[in-house]
């Protein structure tokens, strides 16, 4: 029996070289959402932040870089990794949330789309190569993978390029403690349809959304500074609500994907989660395994790079995956035949998960 499998044949990423250490925020004056000053010193705020999130530093792009720029770099590296002619790409799917934002502004630019800009930058001439953007919060890259899988399985595409890229440093409010969470980066993957007598690649997926009282846990809002311009808005979130939502809803979505794959939880080699918050991610994975009565060693099954790279939204999972594939993350390896579980949660509120056989 032959199976048409959707397989990742190449990966690439771009991690900005500009390191922003936590100590660079130690002298910052922070305000709460009600515009009242936070009485703790900057040093205390930074220390508590590290304890809560696990983030020690993050990467921000240089002044002359934008989302489409770093997305194109990651894409080129994925194309080279796959060893394909870019003219054979049928779909370019770019997940992001704010488009290109020029240094010194918070105005988003998505005209033309980021995907069209990437196709232009890659010099792809094929008119049947269709570029489009995907706005889906932090799970955007995984959602792009799910869509690419659908295109390939219905024979509407043979080869897809899926990118997750973001420059959140351009839309953060420096008077908000949450500024320290967000970072920049880009990750990309080439997916191709490959026929085989064995199942491999994407085995199953699950998608969940709650958009009633949960819809605005992440939003665009004015600065916390009392004298700020109300016409200028920044990325905002209710961190406690996001945390509670994620740990209660994400494990169940992961289980749905696993149940559809007919894979056993004990056979999962790695769980690659959106790098949002170290403690939150650990709680999600523990709750997931608890559904099956399992207690694996977290450091073995759950690779993390949030301590050094921060939360780059749609870029966290593809950059994490690329780093492991290219043996750039200590103590973690992915071998042929390994079973992986990808999962993410973000604005909307959207959740998705994918079971993948390497």
C-alpha atoms as a PDB file:
ATOM      1  CA  UNK A   1       0.000   0.000   0.000  1.00  0.00           C
ATOM      2  CA  UNK A   2       1.307   3.420  -0.942  1.00  0.00           C
ATOM      3  CA  UNK A   3       0.856   6.518   1.221  1.00  0.00           C
ATOM      4  CA  UNK A   4       1.203  10.135   0.154  1.00  0.00           C
ATOM      5  CA  UNK A   5       3.144  11.653   3.027  1.00  0.00           C
ATOM      6  CA  UNK A   6       3.783  15.318   3.780  1.00  0.00           C
ATOM      7  CA  UNK A   7       7.398  15.478   4.837  1.00  0.00           C
ATOM      8  CA  UNK A   8       9.642  18.325   5.950  1.00  0.00           C
ATOM      9  CA  UNK A   9      12.631  18.038   3.628  1.00  0.00           C
ATOM     10  CA  UNK A  10      14.531  21.171   4.623  1.00  0.00           C
ATOM     11  CA  UNK A  11      14.675  23.732   7.420  1.00  0.00           C
ATOM     12  CA  UNK A  12      16.234  27.128   7.938  1.00  0.00           C
ATOM     13  CA  UNK A  13      16.173  29.896  10.503  1.00  0.00           C
ATOM     14  CA  UNK A  14      17.427  33.375  11.200  1.00  0.00           C
ATOM     15  CA  UNK A  15      18.280  34.332  14.768  1.00  0.00           C
ATOM     16  CA  UNK A  16      19.277  37.997  15.104  1.00  0.00           C
ATOM     17  CA  UNK A  17      22.795  38.649  16.346  1.00  0.00           C
ATOM     18  CA  UNK A  18      21.742  41.521  18.606  1.00  0.00           C
ATOM     19  CA  UNK A  19      21.509  40.203  22.174  1.00  0.00           C
ATOM     20  CA  UNK A  20      19.375  42.080  24.701  1.00  0.00           C
ATOM     21  CA  UNK A  21      20.291  40.911  28.203  1.00  0.00           C
ATOM     22  CA  UNK A  22      17.849  41.256  31.103  1.00  0.00           C
ATOM     23  CA  UNK A  23      20.211  43.658  32.829  1.00  0.00           C
ATOM     24  CA  UNK A  24      19.550  46.192  30.073  1.00  0.00           C
ATOM     25  CA  UNK A  25      16.090  46.679  31.612  1.00  0.00           C
ATOM     26  CA  UNK A  26      17.337  47.108  35.181  1.00  0.00           C
ATOM     27  CA  UNK A  27      17.147  50.933  35.062  1.00  0.00           C
ATOM     28  CA  UNK A  28      13.823  51.052  33.209  1.00  0.00           C
ATOM     29  CA  UNK A  29      10.787  52.639  34.895  1.00  0.00           C
ATOM     30  CA  UNK A  30       7.743  50.383  34.467  1.00  0.00           C
ATOM     31  CA  UNK A  31       4.026  51.137  34.834  1.00  0.00           C
ATOM     32  CA  UNK A  32       0.980  48.925  35.276  1.00  0.00           C
ATOM     33  CA  UNK A  33      -1.917  48.922  32.817  1.00  0.00           C
ATOM     34  CA  UNK A  34      -3.757  51.431  35.036  1.00  0.00           C
ATOM     35  CA  UNK A  35      -0.792  53.824  34.485  1.00  0.00           C
ATOM     36  CA  UNK A  36       0.326  53.602  38.105  1.00  0.00           C
ATOM     37  CA  UNK A  37       4.114  53.289  38.558  1.00  0.00           C
ATOM     38  CA  UNK A  38       5.445  49.922  39.662  1.00  0.00           C
ATOM     39  CA  UNK A  39       7.066  50.564  43.025  1.00  0.00           C
ATOM     40  CA  UNK A  40       9.607  47.751  42.768  1.00  0.00           C
ATOM     41  CA  UNK A  41      13.020  48.749  41.452  1.00  0.00           C
ATOM     42  CA  UNK A  42      14.008  47.788  37.933  1.00  0.00           C
ATOM     43  CA  UNK A  43      16.439  45.270  39.378  1.00  0.00           C
ATOM     44  CA  UNK A  44      13.643  43.591  41.346  1.00  0.00           C
ATOM     45  CA  UNK A  45      11.336  43.533  38.330  1.00  0.00           C
ATOM     46  CA  UNK A  46      14.049  41.906  36.204  1.00  0.00           C
ATOM     47  CA  UNK A  47      14.844  39.289  38.858  1.00  0.00           C
ATOM     48  CA  UNK A  48      11.184  38.303  39.289  1.00  0.00           C
ATOM     49  CA  UNK A  49      10.739  38.228  35.518  1.00  0.00           C
ATOM     50  CA  UNK A  50      13.574  35.706  35.123  1.00  0.00           C
ATOM     51  CA  UNK A  51      12.134  33.534  37.893  1.00  0.00           C
ATOM     52  CA  UNK A  52       8.676  33.503  36.295  1.00  0.00           C
ATOM     53  CA  UNK A  53       9.523  33.141  32.589  1.00  0.00           C
ATOM     54  CA  UNK A  54      12.985  31.575  32.481  1.00  0.00           C
ATOM     55  CA  UNK A  55      14.105  34.241  30.002  1.00  0.00           C
ATOM     56  CA  UNK A  56      17.624  35.595  30.504  1.00  0.00           C
ATOM     57  CA  UNK A  57      18.022  37.365  27.169  1.00  0.00           C
ATOM     58  CA  UNK A  58      16.327  37.814  23.844  1.00  0.00           C
ATOM     59  CA  UNK A  59      17.321  38.666  20.257  1.00  0.00           C
ATOM     60  CA  UNK A  60      16.215  41.824  18.468  1.00  0.00           C
ATOM     61  CA  UNK A  61      16.817  42.723  14.840  1.00  0.00           C
ATOM     62  CA  UNK A  62      19.076  45.540  13.678  1.00  0.00           C
ATOM     63  CA  UNK A  63      17.608  48.907  12.672  1.00  0.00           C
ATOM     64  CA  UNK A  64      17.665  48.140   8.937  1.00  0.00           C
ATOM     65  CA  UNK A  65      15.880  44.778   9.203  1.00  0.00           C
ATOM     66  CA  UNK A  66      12.181  43.935   8.904  1.00  0.00           C
ATOM     67  CA  UNK A  67      10.031  40.825   9.145  1.00  0.00           C
ATOM     68  CA  UNK A  68      10.088  40.184   5.378  1.00  0.00           C
ATOM     69  CA  UNK A  69      13.867  40.568   5.374  1.00  0.00           C
ATOM     70  CA  UNK A  70      14.562  37.948   8.032  1.00  0.00           C
ATOM     71  CA  UNK A  71      11.795  35.695   6.668  1.00  0.00           C
ATOM     72  CA  UNK A  72      13.588  35.674   3.311  1.00  0.00           C
ATOM     73  CA  UNK A  73      16.884  34.694   4.934  1.00  0.00           C
ATOM     74  CA  UNK A  74      15.285  31.769   6.786  1.00  0.00           C
ATOM     75  CA  UNK A  75      13.485  30.736   3.586  1.00  0.00           C
ATOM     76  CA  UNK A  76      16.673  30.726   1.532  1.00  0.00           C
ATOM     77  CA  UNK A  77      18.364  28.547   4.130  1.00  0.00           C
ATOM     78  CA  UNK A  78      15.441  26.092   4.096  1.00  0.00           C
ATOM     79  CA  UNK A  79      15.557  25.905   0.298  1.00  0.00           C
ATOM     80  CA  UNK A  80      19.286  25.189   0.408  1.00  0.00           C
ATOM     81  CA  UNK A  81      18.748  22.582   3.133  1.00  0.00           C
ATOM     82  CA  UNK A  82      16.138  20.791   1.008  1.00  0.00           C
ATOM     83  CA  UNK A  83      18.294  21.030  -2.105  1.00  0.00           C
ATOM     84  CA  UNK A  84      15.398  22.104  -4.311  1.00  0.00           C
ATOM     85  CA  UNK A  85      14.946  24.564  -7.144  1.00  0.00           C
ATOM     86  CA  UNK A  86      12.842  27.407  -5.652  1.00  0.00           C
ATOM     87  CA  UNK A  87      10.876  27.558  -8.916  1.00  0.00           C
ATOM     88  CA  UNK A  88       9.187  24.276  -7.969  1.00  0.00           C
ATOM     89  CA  UNK A  89       7.564  25.798  -4.873  1.00  0.00           C
ATOM     90  CA  UNK A  90       3.773  25.918  -5.256  1.00  0.00           C
ATOM     91  CA  UNK A  91       2.834  27.772  -2.074  1.00  0.00           C
ATOM     92  CA  UNK A  92       4.653  30.312   0.104  1.00  0.00           C
ATOM     93  CA  UNK A  93       2.819  30.633   3.413  1.00  0.00           C
ATOM     94  CA  UNK A  94       4.148  33.253   5.822  1.00  0.00           C
ATOM     95  CA  UNK A  95       2.832  33.328   9.377  1.00  0.00           C
ATOM     96  CA  UNK A  96       3.305  36.616  11.230  1.00  0.00           C
ATOM     97  CA  UNK A  97       1.166  39.086  13.169  1.00  0.00           C
ATOM     98  CA  UNK A  98       2.386  42.619  12.508  1.00  0.00           C
ATOM     99  CA  UNK A  99       3.967  42.648   9.049  1.00  0.00           C
ATOM    100  CA  UNK A 100       6.925  44.896   8.345  1.00  0.00           C
ATOM    101  CA  UNK A 101       7.390  47.608  10.960  1.00  0.00           C
ATOM    102  CA  UNK A 102      10.083  50.169  10.240  1.00  0.00           C
ATOM    103  CA  UNK A 103      12.407  51.115  13.101  1.00  0.00           C
ATOM    104  CA  UNK A 104      11.058  54.123  15.010  1.00  0.00           C
ATOM    105  CA  UNK A 105       7.388  53.455  14.191  1.00  0.00           C
ATOM    106  CA  UNK A 106       4.678  51.052  15.319  1.00  0.00           C
ATOM    107  CA  UNK A 107       2.751  51.185  12.048  1.00  0.00           C
ATOM    108  CA  UNK A 108       2.356  47.792  10.420  1.00  0.00           C
ATOM    109  CA  UNK A 109       2.928  47.370   6.679  1.00  0.00           C
ATOM    110  CA  UNK A 110       1.397  44.386   4.874  1.00  0.00           C
ATOM    111  CA  UNK A 111       0.861  45.906   1.436  1.00  0.00           C
ATOM    112  CA  UNK A 112       1.999  43.943  -0.450  1.00  0.00           C
ATOM    113  CA  UNK A 113       1.819  40.844   1.735  1.00  0.00           C
ATOM    114  CA  UNK A 114       4.917  39.611   3.527  1.00  0.00           C
ATOM    115  CA  UNK A 115       4.723  36.404   1.475  1.00  0.00           C
ATOM    116  CA  UNK A 116       4.747  38.394  -1.780  1.00  0.00           C
ATOM    117  CA  UNK A 117       7.800  40.269  -0.546  1.00  0.00           C
ATOM    118  CA  UNK A 118       9.506  36.975   0.274  1.00  0.00           C
ATOM    119  CA  UNK A 119       8.752  35.595  -3.203  1.00  0.00           C
ATOM    120  CA  UNK A 120      10.163  38.814  -4.662  1.00  0.00           C
ATOM    121  CA  UNK A 121      13.296  38.587  -2.499  1.00  0.00           C
ATOM    122  CA  UNK A 122      13.844  34.954  -3.485  1.00  0.00           C
ATOM    123  CA  UNK A 123      13.519  35.967  -7.169  1.00  0.00           C
ATOM    124  CA  UNK A 124      10.949  33.230  -7.839  1.00  0.00           C
ATOM    125  CA  UNK A 125       9.377  33.818 -11.261  1.00  0.00           C
ATOM    126  CA  UNK A 126       6.900  30.931 -11.380  1.00  0.00           C
ATOM    127  CA  UNK A 127       3.430  32.575 -11.639  1.00  0.00           C
ATOM    128  CA  UNK A 128       1.818  29.461 -10.166  1.00  0.00           C
ATOM    129  CA  UNK A 129       3.809  29.885  -6.968  1.00  0.00           C
ATOM    130  CA  UNK A 130       1.145  31.484  -4.746  1.00  0.00           C
ATOM    131  CA  UNK A 131       2.299  33.594  -1.768  1.00  0.00           C
ATOM    132  CA  UNK A 132      -0.034  34.544   1.052  1.00  0.00           C
ATOM    133  CA  UNK A 133       0.046  35.573   4.700  1.00  0.00           C
ATOM    134  CA  UNK A 134      -1.423  33.783   7.686  1.00  0.00           C
ATOM    135  CA  UNK A 135      -2.468  35.757  10.779  1.00  0.00           C
ATOM    136  CA  UNK A 136      -3.120  33.206  13.515  1.00  0.00           C
ATOM    137  CA  UNK A 137      -1.249  34.382  16.602  1.00  0.00           C
ATOM    138  CA  UNK A 138       1.714  32.403  17.891  1.00  0.00           C
ATOM    139  CA  UNK A 139       0.448  29.076  16.430  1.00  0.00           C
ATOM    140  CA  UNK A 140       0.664  30.572  12.923  1.00  0.00           C
ATOM    141  CA  UNK A 141       3.615  28.527  11.698  1.00  0.00           C
ATOM    142  CA  UNK A 142       2.023  25.254  12.775  1.00  0.00           C
ATOM    143  CA  UNK A 143      -1.217  26.353  11.120  1.00  0.00           C
ATOM    144  CA  UNK A 144       0.754  26.983   7.938  1.00  0.00           C
ATOM    145  CA  UNK A 145       2.142  23.445   8.176  1.00  0.00           C
ATOM    146  CA  UNK A 146      -1.393  22.086   8.565  1.00  0.00           C
ATOM    147  CA  UNK A 147      -2.558  24.037   5.511  1.00  0.00           C
ATOM    148  CA  UNK A 148       0.438  22.902   3.455  1.00  0.00           C
ATOM    149  CA  UNK A 149      -0.348  19.312   4.391  1.00  0.00           C
ATOM    150  CA  UNK A 150      -3.908  19.789   3.136  1.00  0.00           C
ATOM    151  CA  UNK A 151      -2.705  21.249  -0.181  1.00  0.00           C
ATOM    152  CA  UNK A 152      -0.272  18.389  -0.699  1.00  0.00           C
ATOM    153  CA  UNK A 153      -2.716  15.603   0.195  1.00  0.00           C
ATOM    154  CA  UNK A 154      -5.352  16.982  -2.187  1.00  0.00           C
ATOM    155  CA  UNK A 155      -2.732  17.219  -4.968  1.00  0.00           C
ATOM    156  CA  UNK A 156      -3.126  20.990  -5.210  1.00  0.00           C
ATOM    157  CA  UNK A 157       0.550  21.406  -4.351  1.00  0.00           C
ATOM    158  CA  UNK A 158       3.685  19.313  -4.446  1.00  0.00           C
ATOM    159  CA  UNK A 159       6.030  21.610  -2.559  1.00  0.00           C
ATOM    160  CA  UNK A 160       5.279  24.298   0.030  1.00  0.00           C
ATOM    161  CA  UNK A 161       7.460  26.810   1.837  1.00  0.00           C
ATOM    162  CA  UNK A 162       6.116  27.662   5.303  1.00  0.00           C
ATOM    163  CA  UNK A 163       7.701  30.517   7.254  1.00  0.00           C
ATOM    164  CA  UNK A 164       7.146  31.963  10.702  1.00  0.00           C
ATOM    165  CA  UNK A 165       8.710  35.406  11.168  1.00  0.00           C
ATOM    166  CA  UNK A 166       8.237  38.265  13.580  1.00  0.00           C
ATOM    167  CA  UNK A 167       9.926  41.447  14.800  1.00  0.00           C
ATOM    168  CA  UNK A 168       8.079  42.014  18.052  1.00  0.00           C
ATOM    169  CA  UNK A 169      10.730  44.451  19.252  1.00  0.00           C
ATOM    170  CA  UNK A 170       9.068  47.007  16.956  1.00  0.00           C
ATOM    171  CA  UNK A 171       5.676  46.822  18.684  1.00  0.00           C
ATOM    172  CA  UNK A 172       6.576  46.578  22.383  1.00  0.00           C
ATOM    173  CA  UNK A 173       5.819  49.218  25.013  1.00  0.00           C
ATOM    174  CA  UNK A 174       9.085  49.881  26.865  1.00  0.00           C
ATOM    175  CA  UNK A 175       7.106  50.953  29.960  1.00  0.00           C
ATOM    176  CA  UNK A 176       5.429  47.529  30.164  1.00  0.00           C
ATOM    177  CA  UNK A 177       7.214  44.629  31.894  1.00  0.00           C
ATOM    178  CA  UNK A 178       5.968  42.306  29.156  1.00  0.00           C
ATOM    179  CA  UNK A 179       8.451  43.984  26.798  1.00  0.00           C
ATOM    180  CA  UNK A 180      11.062  41.629  28.240  1.00  0.00           C
ATOM    181  CA  UNK A 181       9.167  38.577  26.978  1.00  0.00           C
ATOM    182  CA  UNK A 182       9.147  39.403  23.294  1.00  0.00           C
ATOM    183  CA  UNK A 183      11.860  38.851  20.711  1.00  0.00           C
ATOM    184  CA  UNK A 184      12.530  38.613  16.974  1.00  0.00           C
ATOM    185  CA  UNK A 185      13.351  35.725  14.685  1.00  0.00           C
ATOM    186  CA  UNK A 186      12.366  33.652  11.672  1.00  0.00           C
ATOM    187  CA  UNK A 187      12.110  29.961  10.898  1.00  0.00           C
ATOM    188  CA  UNK A 188      11.149  28.150   7.706  1.00  0.00           C
ATOM    189  CA  UNK A 189      10.513  24.686   6.351  1.00  0.00           C
ATOM    190  CA  UNK A 190      10.112  23.068   2.940  1.00  0.00           C
ATOM    191  CA  UNK A 191       7.341  20.473   2.822  1.00  0.00           C
ATOM    192  CA  UNK A 192       7.006  17.996  -0.017  1.00  0.00           C
ATOM    193  CA  UNK A 193       4.642  15.190  -0.915  1.00  0.00           C
ATOM    194  CA  UNK A 194       6.509  11.881  -0.878  1.00  0.00           C
ATOM    195  CA  UNK A 195       4.970   8.505  -1.707  1.00  0.00           C
ATOM    196  CA  UNK A 196       6.040   5.569   0.419  1.00  0.00           C
ATOM    197  CA  UNK A 197       4.765   2.212   1.620  1.00  0.00           C
ATOM    198  CA  UNK A 198       5.137   3.502   5.193  1.00  0.00           C
ATOM    199  CA  UNK A 199       3.545   6.436   6.952  1.00  0.00           C
ATOM    200  CA  UNK A 200       5.916   9.257   7.791  1.00  0.00           C
ATOM    201  CA  UNK A 201       5.897  13.022   8.105  1.00  0.00           C
ATOM    202  CA  UNK A 202       2.613  14.513   9.346  1.00  0.00           C
ATOM    203  CA  UNK A 203       0.533  11.760  10.922  1.00  0.00           C
ATOM    204  CA  UNK A 204      -2.260  13.861  12.414  1.00  0.00           C
ATOM    205  CA  UNK A 205      -3.187  17.275  13.732  1.00  0.00           C
ATOM    206  CA  UNK A 206      -5.710  19.055  15.946  1.00  0.00           C
ATOM    207  CA  UNK A 207      -6.998  22.642  16.072  1.00  0.00           C
ATOM    208  CA  UNK A 208      -8.932  24.379  18.855  1.00  0.00           C
ATOM    209  CA  UNK A 209     -10.230  27.934  19.268  1.00  0.00           C
ATOM    210  CA  UNK A 210     -11.989  29.842  22.048  1.00  0.00           C
ATOM    211  CA  UNK A 211     -13.038  33.383  21.141  1.00  0.00           C
ATOM    212  CA  UNK A 212     -15.626  34.414  23.685  1.00  0.00           C
ATOM    213  CA  UNK A 213     -14.235  35.866  26.917  1.00  0.00           C
ATOM    214  CA  UNK A 214     -10.805  34.566  25.858  1.00  0.00           C
ATOM    215  CA  UNK A 215     -10.566  36.494  22.572  1.00  0.00           C
ATOM    216  CA  UNK A 216      -8.701  39.526  23.905  1.00  0.00           C
ATOM    217  CA  UNK A 217      -6.184  37.963  26.272  1.00  0.00           C
ATOM    218  CA  UNK A 218      -3.661  39.328  23.757  1.00  0.00           C
ATOM    219  CA  UNK A 219      -4.451  42.604  22.017  1.00  0.00           C
ATOM    220  CA  UNK A 220      -3.120  45.911  20.693  1.00  0.00           C
ATOM    221  CA  UNK A 221      -3.378  48.708  23.285  1.00  0.00           C
ATOM    222  CA  UNK A 222      -1.951  52.042  24.403  1.00  0.00           C
ATOM    223  CA  UNK A 223       1.228  52.440  26.425  1.00  0.00           C
ATOM    224  CA  UNK A 224       1.235  51.953  30.189  1.00  0.00           C
ATOM    225  CA  UNK A 225       2.916  55.347  30.553  1.00  0.00           C
ATOM    226  CA  UNK A 226       0.350  57.889  31.876  1.00  0.00           C
ATOM    227  CA  UNK A 227       1.446  60.597  29.422  1.00  0.00           C
ATOM    228  CA  UNK A 228       1.587  58.353  26.365  1.00  0.00           C
ATOM    229  CA  UNK A 229      -0.035  59.152  23.029  1.00  0.00           C
ATOM    230  CA  UNK A 230      -3.341  57.195  22.998  1.00  0.00           C
ATOM    231  CA  UNK A 231      -3.116  57.012  19.217  1.00  0.00           C
ATOM    232  CA  UNK A 232      -0.016  54.827  19.360  1.00  0.00           C
ATOM    233  CA  UNK A 233      -0.622  51.215  20.333  1.00  0.00           C
ATOM    234  CA  UNK A 234       1.538  48.261  21.285  1.00  0.00           C
ATOM    235  CA  UNK A 235       1.270  44.520  21.861  1.00  0.00           C
ATOM    236  CA  UNK A 236      -0.418  43.802  25.204  1.00  0.00           C
ATOM    237  CA  UNK A 237      -1.505  40.714  27.065  1.00  0.00           C
ATOM    238  CA  UNK A 238      -3.159  39.479  30.227  1.00  0.00           C
ATOM    239  CA  UNK A 239      -0.404  37.110  31.253  1.00  0.00           C
ATOM    240  CA  UNK A 240      -2.304  35.389  34.062  1.00  0.00           C
ATOM    241  CA  UNK A 241      -5.283  34.679  31.820  1.00  0.00           C
ATOM    242  CA  UNK A 242      -3.044  33.347  29.037  1.00  0.00           C
ATOM    243  CA  UNK A 243      -1.270  31.066  31.512  1.00  0.00           C
ATOM    244  CA  UNK A 244      -4.496  29.679  32.965  1.00  0.00           C
ATOM    245  CA  UNK A 245      -5.992  29.162  29.525  1.00  0.00           C
ATOM    246  CA  UNK A 246      -2.912  27.444  28.138  1.00  0.00           C
ATOM    247  CA  UNK A 247      -2.378  24.926  30.921  1.00  0.00           C
ATOM    248  CA  UNK A 248      -6.070  23.997  30.954  1.00  0.00           C
ATOM    249  CA  UNK A 249      -6.666  23.746  27.179  1.00  0.00           C
ATOM    250  CA  UNK A 250      -3.413  22.885  25.378  1.00  0.00           C
ATOM    251  CA  UNK A 251      -2.863  19.375  26.878  1.00  0.00           C
ATOM    252  CA  UNK A 252      -6.336  18.317  25.722  1.00  0.00           C
ATOM    253  CA  UNK A 253      -5.647  19.519  22.169  1.00  0.00           C
ATOM    254  CA  UNK A 254      -2.339  17.660  22.164  1.00  0.00           C
ATOM    255  CA  UNK A 255      -4.193  14.509  23.219  1.00  0.00           C
ATOM    256  CA  UNK A 256      -6.681  14.903  20.352  1.00  0.00           C
ATOM    257  CA  UNK A 257      -3.821  15.005  17.853  1.00  0.00           C
ATOM    258  CA  UNK A 258      -2.146  12.014  19.481  1.00  0.00           C
ATOM    259  CA  UNK A 259      -5.345   9.963  19.538  1.00  0.00           C
ATOM    260  CA  UNK A 260      -5.871  10.620  15.820  1.00  0.00           C
ATOM    261  CA  UNK A 261      -2.341   9.428  15.027  1.00  0.00           C
ATOM    262  CA  UNK A 262      -2.665   6.042  16.752  1.00  0.00           C
ATOM    263  CA  UNK A 263       0.732   6.773  18.317  1.00  0.00           C
ATOM    264  CA  UNK A 264       1.314   5.999  22.000  1.00  0.00           C
ATOM    265  CA  UNK A 265       2.318   8.836  24.329  1.00  0.00           C
ATOM    266  CA  UNK A 266       5.206   6.760  25.683  1.00  0.00           C
ATOM    267  CA  UNK A 267       6.687   6.608  22.166  1.00  0.00           C
ATOM    268  CA  UNK A 268       6.923  10.393  21.681  1.00  0.00           C
ATOM    269  CA  UNK A 269      10.614  11.303  21.522  1.00  0.00           C
ATOM    270  CA  UNK A 270      10.308  15.100  21.743  1.00  0.00           C
ATOM    271  CA  UNK A 271       7.576  17.619  22.487  1.00  0.00           C
ATOM    272  CA  UNK A 272       8.289  20.913  20.709  1.00  0.00           C
ATOM    273  CA  UNK A 273       6.158  23.634  22.268  1.00  0.00           C
ATOM    274  CA  UNK A 274       5.826  27.298  21.405  1.00  0.00           C
ATOM    275  CA  UNK A 275       8.487  28.946  23.571  1.00  0.00           C
ATOM    276  CA  UNK A 276       6.197  31.285  25.506  1.00  0.00           C
ATOM    277  CA  UNK A 277       7.114  30.890  29.159  1.00  0.00           C
ATOM    278  CA  UNK A 278       9.378  28.227  30.654  1.00  0.00           C
ATOM    279  CA  UNK A 279       7.152  27.426  33.635  1.00  0.00           C
ATOM    280  CA  UNK A 280       3.982  27.464  31.536  1.00  0.00           C
ATOM    281  CA  UNK A 281       5.480  25.119  28.961  1.00  0.00           C
ATOM    282  CA  UNK A 282       6.634  22.700  31.658  1.00  0.00           C
ATOM    283  CA  UNK A 283       3.158  22.726  33.206  1.00  0.00           C
ATOM    284  CA  UNK A 284       1.550  22.008  29.823  1.00  0.00           C
ATOM    285  CA  UNK A 285       3.803  19.037  29.093  1.00  0.00           C
ATOM    286  CA  UNK A 286       3.426  17.587  32.590  1.00  0.00           C
ATOM    287  CA  UNK A 287      -0.368  17.828  32.358  1.00  0.00           C
ATOM    288  CA  UNK A 288      -0.307  16.226  28.922  1.00  0.00           C
ATOM    289  CA  UNK A 289       1.668  13.199  30.117  1.00  0.00           C
ATOM    290  CA  UNK A 290      -0.446  12.996  33.262  1.00  0.00           C
ATOM    291  CA  UNK A 291      -3.417  12.218  30.994  1.00  0.00           C
ATOM    292  CA  UNK A 292      -1.637   8.941  30.213  1.00  0.00           C
ATOM    293  CA  UNK A 293      -0.250   8.265  33.691  1.00  0.00           C
ATOM    294  CA  UNK A 294       3.301   9.055  32.556  1.00  0.00           C
ATOM    295  CA  UNK A 295       6.057  11.098  34.211  1.00  0.00           C
ATOM    296  CA  UNK A 296       8.932  11.487  31.755  1.00  0.00           C
ATOM    297  CA  UNK A 297      12.100  13.438  32.462  1.00  0.00           C
ATOM    298  CA  UNK A 298      11.195  16.937  31.275  1.00  0.00           C
ATOM    299  CA  UNK A 299      14.724  17.836  30.195  1.00  0.00           C
ATOM    300  CA  UNK A 300      14.765  14.781  27.908  1.00  0.00           C
ATOM    301  CA  UNK A 301      11.441  15.216  26.115  1.00  0.00           C
ATOM    302  CA  UNK A 302      11.033  19.001  26.099  1.00  0.00           C
ATOM    303  CA  UNK A 303      13.793  20.976  24.329  1.00  0.00           C
ATOM    304  CA  UNK A 304      13.863  24.686  25.233  1.00  0.00           C
ATOM    305  CA  UNK A 305      15.675  27.736  23.867  1.00  0.00           C
ATOM    306  CA  UNK A 306      13.549  30.461  25.461  1.00  0.00           C
ATOM    307  CA  UNK A 307      16.230  31.336  28.014  1.00  0.00           C
ATOM    308  CA  UNK A 308      18.505  32.687  25.286  1.00  0.00           C
ATOM    309  CA  UNK A 309      16.054  33.602  22.521  1.00  0.00           C
ATOM    310  CA  UNK A 310      12.911  34.800  24.303  1.00  0.00           C
ATOM    311  CA  UNK A 311       9.433  34.545  22.762  1.00  0.00           C
ATOM    312  CA  UNK A 312       9.488  35.291  19.023  1.00  0.00           C
ATOM    313  CA  UNK A 313       5.858  34.222  18.511  1.00  0.00           C
ATOM    314  CA  UNK A 314       5.420  32.280  15.232  1.00  0.00           C
ATOM    315  CA  UNK A 315       9.182  31.801  14.941  1.00  0.00           C
ATOM    316  CA  UNK A 316       9.793  29.895  18.180  1.00  0.00           C
ATOM    317  CA  UNK A 317       8.912  26.374  16.998  1.00  0.00           C
ATOM    318  CA  UNK A 318      10.570  26.471  13.553  1.00  0.00           C
ATOM    319  CA  UNK A 319      13.774  27.959  14.993  1.00  0.00           C
ATOM    320  CA  UNK A 320      13.788  25.388  17.811  1.00  0.00           C
ATOM    321  CA  UNK A 321      13.230  22.544  15.330  1.00  0.00           C
ATOM    322  CA  UNK A 322      15.931  23.836  12.985  1.00  0.00           C
ATOM    323  CA  UNK A 323      18.420  24.138  15.833  1.00  0.00           C
ATOM    324  CA  UNK A 324      17.825  20.529  16.893  1.00  0.00           C
ATOM    325  CA  UNK A 325      17.964  19.186  13.339  1.00  0.00           C
ATOM    326  CA  UNK A 326      21.305  20.960  12.846  1.00  0.00           C
ATOM    327  CA  UNK A 327      22.577  19.807  16.254  1.00  0.00           C
ATOM    328  CA  UNK A 328      22.840  23.320  17.660  1.00  0.00           C
ATOM    329  CA  UNK A 329      20.932  22.599  20.867  1.00  0.00           C
ATOM    330  CA  UNK A 330      22.893  20.740  23.526  1.00  0.00           C
ATOM    331  CA  UNK A 331      21.630  17.329  24.671  1.00  0.00           C
ATOM    332  CA  UNK A 332      18.881  17.099  22.051  1.00  0.00           C
ATOM    333  CA  UNK A 333      18.911  15.101  18.822  1.00  0.00           C
ATOM    334  CA  UNK A 334      16.222  14.079  16.359  1.00  0.00           C
ATOM    335  CA  UNK A 335      16.836  10.890  14.394  1.00  0.00           C
ATOM    336  CA  UNK A 336      15.018   9.328  11.462  1.00  0.00           C
ATOM    337  CA  UNK A 337      11.914   7.526  12.703  1.00  0.00           C
ATOM    338  CA  UNK A 338      11.549   9.621  15.863  1.00  0.00           C
ATOM    339  CA  UNK A 339       8.020  10.615  16.817  1.00  0.00           C
ATOM    340  CA  UNK A 340       7.529  14.304  17.576  1.00  0.00           C
ATOM    341  CA  UNK A 341       4.626  16.284  18.990  1.00  0.00           C
ATOM    342  CA  UNK A 342       4.409  19.974  18.072  1.00  0.00           C
ATOM    343  CA  UNK A 343       1.975  22.295  19.873  1.00  0.00           C
ATOM    344  CA  UNK A 344       1.299  26.003  20.210  1.00  0.00           C
ATOM    345  CA  UNK A 345      -1.138  28.487  21.736  1.00  0.00           C
ATOM    346  CA  UNK A 346      -1.670  32.180  21.112  1.00  0.00           C
ATOM    347  CA  UNK A 347      -3.817  35.183  20.294  1.00  0.00           C
ATOM    348  CA  UNK A 348      -7.334  34.474  19.320  1.00  0.00           C
ATOM    349  CA  UNK A 349      -7.232  32.199  21.361  1.00  0.00           C
ATOM    350  CA  UNK A 350      -5.914  29.538  19.003  1.00  0.00           C
ATOM    351  CA  UNK A 351      -4.344  26.183  19.769  1.00  0.00           C
ATOM    352  CA  UNK A 352      -2.958  23.567  17.405  1.00  0.00           C
ATOM    353  CA  UNK A 353      -0.902  20.396  17.582  1.00  0.00           C
ATOM    354  CA  UNK A 354       0.783  18.060  15.098  1.00  0.00           C
ATOM    355  CA  UNK A 355       2.106  14.520  15.448  1.00  0.00           C
ATOM    356  CA  UNK A 356       5.085  14.047  13.136  1.00  0.00           C
ATOM    357  CA  UNK A 357       7.277  11.058  12.280  1.00  0.00           C
ATOM    358  CA  UNK A 358      10.762  12.164  11.317  1.00  0.00           C
END
